Amino acid sequence: MKPALLVVDVRKEFFKFGSTTAQSLNEAIEYINAAIALFREKDLPVICVQQVDEEEKLVPGEEGFGLPEELDILPSDLHIHKTYGNSFNRTPLEGELRDRGIDTVIITGFSAEYCVLSTYRGAQDLDLTPTILRGSLASDNLENIKFVESISNIIPYVVLKKVLG
């Protein structure tokens, strides 16, 4: 197993969706940051995926497109821009993973029931092994997080840490 960590659509704009979404994002960021630190320690790729939407002015350089200060993504991490929910659809993500010999993706981010689940299914279609990091998903509907976790391969942080040794 050679994994990469995908951080999907965690950005400032989504904190404006309401208190449930903001709380959900803040809780997820704690787990995402722990995973980022673990992946960096093991010299494994951390990949930030962000959806571009010109109509909504969610484009690089705009305030809402930016990453929250609390999120430990670095400029040196791989950054992928997407225009579909599935992070693999019409992006260089698959090629970047294949070039690095990655066969497993640990998926985190927002929104559990849309972009995260679409990316999970996209990874399956490419014969990658997708896994959700428990506690690392956000949504404006907390029941959707439970649902996505219930139908997906899931790994708690403590097990991920042990598996990565």
C-alpha atoms as a PDB file:
ATOM      1  CA  MET A   1       0.000   0.000   0.000  1.00  0.00           C
ATOM      2  CA  LYS A   2       1.276   3.424  -0.958  1.00  0.00           C
ATOM      3  CA  PRO A   3      -1.220   6.111   0.056  1.00  0.00           C
ATOM      4  CA  ALA A   4      -1.775   9.783  -0.624  1.00  0.00           C
ATOM      5  CA  LEU A   5      -3.917  12.122   1.442  1.00  0.00           C
ATOM      6  CA  LEU A   6      -6.590  14.049  -0.461  1.00  0.00           C
ATOM      7  CA  VAL A   7      -7.983  17.202   1.145  1.00  0.00           C
ATOM      8  CA  VAL A   8     -11.087  18.045  -0.876  1.00  0.00           C
ATOM      9  CA  ASP A   9     -12.737  21.478  -0.979  1.00  0.00           C
ATOM     10  CA  VAL A  10     -11.849  22.857   2.436  1.00  0.00           C
ATOM     11  CA  ARG A  11     -11.948  26.604   1.878  1.00  0.00           C
ATOM     12  CA  LYS A  12     -12.955  29.848   3.538  1.00  0.00           C
ATOM     13  CA  GLU A  13     -16.169  30.289   1.533  1.00  0.00           C
ATOM     14  CA  PHE A  14     -17.812  27.241   3.061  1.00  0.00           C
ATOM     15  CA  PHE A  15     -17.558  28.621   6.607  1.00  0.00           C
ATOM     16  CA  LYS A  16     -20.256  31.112   5.545  1.00  0.00           C
ATOM     17  CA  PHE A  17     -22.832  28.344   4.970  1.00  0.00           C
ATOM     18  CA  GLY A  18     -23.998  28.433   8.592  1.00  0.00           C
ATOM     19  CA  SER A  19     -23.017  27.335  12.066  1.00  0.00           C
ATOM     20  CA  THR A  20     -23.499  23.596  11.421  1.00  0.00           C
ATOM     21  CA  THR A  21     -21.180  23.718   8.417  1.00  0.00           C
ATOM     22  CA  ALA A  22     -18.597  25.862  10.221  1.00  0.00           C
ATOM     23  CA  GLN A  23     -18.584  23.564  13.254  1.00  0.00           C
ATOM     24  CA  SER A  24     -18.374  20.524  10.995  1.00  0.00           C
ATOM     25  CA  LEU A  25     -15.424  22.035   9.109  1.00  0.00           C
ATOM     26  CA  ASN A  26     -13.591  23.013  12.299  1.00  0.00           C
ATOM     27  CA  GLU A  27     -13.944  19.496  13.701  1.00  0.00           C
ATOM     28  CA  ALA A  28     -12.830  17.924  10.415  1.00  0.00           C
ATOM     29  CA  ILE A  29      -9.787  20.208  10.167  1.00  0.00           C
ATOM     30  CA  GLU A  30      -8.449  18.787  13.443  1.00  0.00           C
ATOM     31  CA  TYR A  31      -8.373  15.283  11.943  1.00  0.00           C
ATOM     32  CA  ILE A  32      -7.163  16.528   8.563  1.00  0.00           C
ATOM     33  CA  ASN A  33      -4.250  18.384  10.172  1.00  0.00           C
ATOM     34  CA  ALA A  34      -3.276  15.318  12.195  1.00  0.00           C
ATOM     35  CA  ALA A  35      -3.273  13.272   8.980  1.00  0.00           C
ATOM     36  CA  ILE A  36      -1.281  15.943   7.144  1.00  0.00           C
ATOM     37  CA  ALA A  37       1.388  15.844   9.853  1.00  0.00           C
ATOM     38  CA  LEU A  38       1.489  12.035   9.694  1.00  0.00           C
ATOM     39  CA  PHE A  39       1.772  11.991   5.889  1.00  0.00           C
ATOM     40  CA  ARG A  40       4.559  14.577   5.947  1.00  0.00           C
ATOM     41  CA  GLU A  41       6.401  12.604   8.636  1.00  0.00           C
ATOM     42  CA  LYS A  42       6.234   9.521   6.389  1.00  0.00           C
ATOM     43  CA  ASP A  43       7.149  11.548   3.263  1.00  0.00           C
ATOM     44  CA  LEU A  44       3.841  10.693   1.606  1.00  0.00           C
ATOM     45  CA  PRO A  45       1.923  13.079  -0.666  1.00  0.00           C
ATOM     46  CA  VAL A  46      -0.605  15.578   0.634  1.00  0.00           C
ATOM     47  CA  ILE A  47      -2.874  16.796  -2.159  1.00  0.00           C
ATOM     48  CA  CYS A  48      -5.189  19.791  -1.895  1.00  0.00           C
ATOM     49  CA  VAL A  49      -8.116  19.666  -4.324  1.00  0.00           C
ATOM     50  CA  GLN A  50     -10.274  22.754  -4.823  1.00  0.00           C
ATOM     51  CA  GLN A  51     -13.254  23.267  -7.063  1.00  0.00           C
ATOM     52  CA  VAL A  52     -13.127  26.286  -9.358  1.00  0.00           C
ATOM     53  CA  ASP A  53     -16.441  28.009 -10.089  1.00  0.00           C
ATOM     54  CA  GLU A  54     -16.107  31.221 -12.080  1.00  0.00           C
ATOM     55  CA  GLU A  55     -19.820  32.089 -11.745  1.00  0.00           C
ATOM     56  CA  GLU A  56     -19.544  31.963  -7.954  1.00  0.00           C
ATOM     57  CA  LYS A  57     -16.179  33.799  -8.052  1.00  0.00           C
ATOM     58  CA  LEU A  58     -14.493  30.787  -6.457  1.00  0.00           C
ATOM     59  CA  VAL A  59     -11.253  31.132  -8.361  1.00  0.00           C
ATOM     60  CA  PRO A  60      -7.619  31.463  -7.301  1.00  0.00           C
ATOM     61  CA  GLY A  61      -6.971  34.892  -5.866  1.00  0.00           C
ATOM     62  CA  GLU A  62     -10.508  35.442  -4.583  1.00  0.00           C
ATOM     63  CA  GLU A  63     -11.036  35.503  -0.812  1.00  0.00           C
ATOM     64  CA  GLY A  64     -13.585  32.661  -0.704  1.00  0.00           C
ATOM     65  CA  PHE A  65     -11.327  30.361  -2.709  1.00  0.00           C
ATOM     66  CA  GLY A  66      -8.566  30.623  -0.114  1.00  0.00           C
ATOM     67  CA  LEU A  67      -7.737  27.977   2.434  1.00  0.00           C
ATOM     68  CA  PRO A  68      -8.616  28.574   6.077  1.00  0.00           C
ATOM     69  CA  GLU A  69      -5.619  29.653   8.149  1.00  0.00           C
ATOM     70  CA  GLU A  70      -6.218  26.677  10.462  1.00  0.00           C
ATOM     71  CA  LEU A  71      -5.621  24.163   7.668  1.00  0.00           C
ATOM     72  CA  ASP A  72      -1.981  23.020   7.442  1.00  0.00           C
ATOM     73  CA  ILE A  73      -1.779  22.863   3.631  1.00  0.00           C
ATOM     74  CA  LEU A  74       1.489  24.278   2.272  1.00  0.00           C
ATOM     75  CA  PRO A  75       2.199  25.916  -1.085  1.00  0.00           C
ATOM     76  CA  SER A  76       4.626  23.027  -1.724  1.00  0.00           C
ATOM     77  CA  ASP A  77       1.800  20.460  -1.462  1.00  0.00           C
ATOM     78  CA  LEU A  78       0.282  19.377  -4.749  1.00  0.00           C
ATOM     79  CA  HIS A  79      -2.708  21.584  -5.624  1.00  0.00           C
ATOM     80  CA  ILE A  80      -5.342  20.350  -8.082  1.00  0.00           C
ATOM     81  CA  HIS A  81      -8.197  22.490  -9.413  1.00  0.00           C
ATOM     82  CA  LYS A  82     -11.374  20.750 -10.496  1.00  0.00           C
ATOM     83  CA  THR A  83     -14.649  21.777 -12.111  1.00  0.00           C
ATOM     84  CA  TYR A  84     -16.655  18.642 -11.251  1.00  0.00           C
ATOM     85  CA  GLY A  85     -17.502  16.965  -7.954  1.00  0.00           C
ATOM     86  CA  ASN A  86     -15.224  14.019  -8.756  1.00  0.00           C
ATOM     87  CA  SER A  87     -11.645  15.193  -8.227  1.00  0.00           C
ATOM     88  CA  PHE A  88     -10.470  12.821 -10.961  1.00  0.00           C
ATOM     89  CA  ASN A  89     -12.794  14.102 -13.700  1.00  0.00           C
ATOM     90  CA  ARG A  90     -10.797  16.201 -16.206  1.00  0.00           C
ATOM     91  CA  THR A  91      -7.942  16.887 -13.791  1.00  0.00           C
ATOM     92  CA  PRO A  92      -4.331  15.672 -13.654  1.00  0.00           C
ATOM     93  CA  LEU A  93      -4.948  13.913 -10.318  1.00  0.00           C
ATOM     94  CA  GLU A  94      -4.884  10.339 -11.611  1.00  0.00           C
ATOM     95  CA  GLY A  95      -1.656  10.952 -13.525  1.00  0.00           C
ATOM     96  CA  GLU A  96      -0.006  12.557 -10.510  1.00  0.00           C
ATOM     97  CA  LEU A  97      -0.935   9.572  -8.347  1.00  0.00           C
ATOM     98  CA  ARG A  98       0.211   7.013 -10.928  1.00  0.00           C
ATOM     99  CA  ASP A  99       3.525   8.867 -11.405  1.00  0.00           C
ATOM    100  CA  ARG A 100       4.130   8.534  -7.655  1.00  0.00           C
ATOM    101  CA  GLY A 101       3.101   4.863  -7.514  1.00  0.00           C
ATOM    102  CA  ILE A 102       0.086   5.676  -5.322  1.00  0.00           C
ATOM    103  CA  ASP A 103      -2.524   2.923  -5.078  1.00  0.00           C
ATOM    104  CA  THR A 104      -4.568   4.136  -2.100  1.00  0.00           C
ATOM    105  CA  VAL A 105      -6.209   7.495  -1.390  1.00  0.00           C
ATOM    106  CA  ILE A 106      -7.219   8.618   2.076  1.00  0.00           C
ATOM    107  CA  ILE A 107     -10.002  11.121   1.430  1.00  0.00           C
ATOM    108  CA  THR A 108     -11.004  14.010   3.686  1.00  0.00           C
ATOM    109  CA  GLY A 109     -12.922  17.241   3.270  1.00  0.00           C
ATOM    110  CA  PHE A 110     -16.168  18.937   2.270  1.00  0.00           C
ATOM    111  CA  SER A 111     -18.891  18.118   1.365  1.00  0.00           C
ATOM    112  CA  ALA A 112     -19.226  14.516   2.457  1.00  0.00           C
ATOM    113  CA  GLU A 113     -22.229  13.727   0.297  1.00  0.00           C
ATOM    114  CA  TYR A 114     -21.108  15.561  -2.829  1.00  0.00           C
ATOM    115  CA  CYS A 115     -17.454  16.067  -3.737  1.00  0.00           C
ATOM    116  CA  VAL A 116     -15.988  13.630  -1.218  1.00  0.00           C
ATOM    117  CA  LEU A 117     -18.336  10.802  -2.192  1.00  0.00           C
ATOM    118  CA  SER A 118     -17.905  11.566  -5.919  1.00  0.00           C
ATOM    119  CA  THR A 119     -14.126  11.462  -5.512  1.00  0.00           C
ATOM    120  CA  TYR A 120     -14.388   8.209  -3.538  1.00  0.00           C
ATOM    121  CA  ARG A 121     -16.392   6.598  -6.334  1.00  0.00           C
ATOM    122  CA  GLY A 122     -14.053   8.051  -8.965  1.00  0.00           C
ATOM    123  CA  ALA A 123     -11.082   6.444  -7.218  1.00  0.00           C
ATOM    124  CA  GLN A 124     -12.866   3.090  -7.249  1.00  0.00           C
ATOM    125  CA  ASP A 125     -13.504   3.439 -10.985  1.00  0.00           C
ATOM    126  CA  LEU A 126      -9.743   3.871 -11.485  1.00  0.00           C
ATOM    127  CA  ASP A 127      -8.877   0.759  -9.442  1.00  0.00           C
ATOM    128  CA  LEU A 128      -7.454   2.815  -6.601  1.00  0.00           C
ATOM    129  CA  THR A 129      -8.349   1.928  -3.020  1.00  0.00           C
ATOM    130  CA  PRO A 130     -10.314   4.823  -1.519  1.00  0.00           C
ATOM    131  CA  THR A 131     -10.674   5.166   2.224  1.00  0.00           C
ATOM    132  CA  ILE A 132     -12.323   7.868   4.321  1.00  0.00           C
ATOM    133  CA  LEU A 133     -10.492   9.118   7.405  1.00  0.00           C
ATOM    134  CA  ARG A 134     -13.084   8.928  10.190  1.00  0.00           C
ATOM    135  CA  GLY A 135     -13.892  12.354  11.617  1.00  0.00           C
ATOM    136  CA  SER A 136     -12.386  14.241   8.679  1.00  0.00           C
ATOM    137  CA  LEU A 137     -15.555  14.942   6.699  1.00  0.00           C
ATOM    138  CA  ALA A 138     -17.704  18.060   6.794  1.00  0.00           C
ATOM    139  CA  SER A 139     -21.205  18.849   5.582  1.00  0.00           C
ATOM    140  CA  ASP A 140     -24.071  21.214   6.231  1.00  0.00           C
ATOM    141  CA  ASN A 141     -26.061  18.110   7.229  1.00  0.00           C
ATOM    142  CA  LEU A 142     -24.369  15.974   9.892  1.00  0.00           C
ATOM    143  CA  GLU A 143     -26.512  12.944   9.010  1.00  0.00           C
ATOM    144  CA  ASN A 144     -24.870  12.940   5.577  1.00  0.00           C
ATOM    145  CA  ILE A 145     -21.443  12.498   7.171  1.00  0.00           C
ATOM    146  CA  LYS A 146     -22.705   9.423   9.026  1.00  0.00           C
ATOM    147  CA  PHE A 147     -24.238   8.081   5.829  1.00  0.00           C
ATOM    148  CA  VAL A 148     -21.069   8.519   3.748  1.00  0.00           C
ATOM    149  CA  GLU A 149     -18.971   6.924   6.476  1.00  0.00           C
ATOM    150  CA  SER A 150     -21.445   4.013   6.694  1.00  0.00           C
ATOM    151  CA  ILE A 151     -21.161   3.126   2.979  1.00  0.00           C
ATOM    152  CA  SER A 152     -17.424   3.665   2.585  1.00  0.00           C
ATOM    153  CA  ASN A 153     -14.164   2.059   3.595  1.00  0.00           C
ATOM    154  CA  ILE A 154     -13.232   4.003   6.711  1.00  0.00           C
ATOM    155  CA  ILE A 155     -10.141   4.203   8.875  1.00  0.00           C
ATOM    156  CA  PRO A 156      -9.761   5.867  12.266  1.00  0.00           C
ATOM    157  CA  TYR A 157      -6.696   8.084  12.708  1.00  0.00           C
ATOM    158  CA  VAL A 158      -5.146   5.796  15.350  1.00  0.00           C
ATOM    159  CA  VAL A 159      -5.295   2.841  12.924  1.00  0.00           C
ATOM    160  CA  LEU A 160      -3.950   4.948  10.036  1.00  0.00           C
ATOM    161  CA  LYS A 161      -1.021   5.954  12.236  1.00  0.00           C
ATOM    162  CA  LYS A 162      -0.300   2.337  13.110  1.00  0.00           C
ATOM    163  CA  VAL A 163      -0.650   1.131   9.487  1.00  0.00           C
ATOM    164  CA  LEU A 164       1.763   3.796   8.243  1.00  0.00           C
ATOM    165  CA  GLY A 165       4.161   2.749  10.993  1.00  0.00           C
END
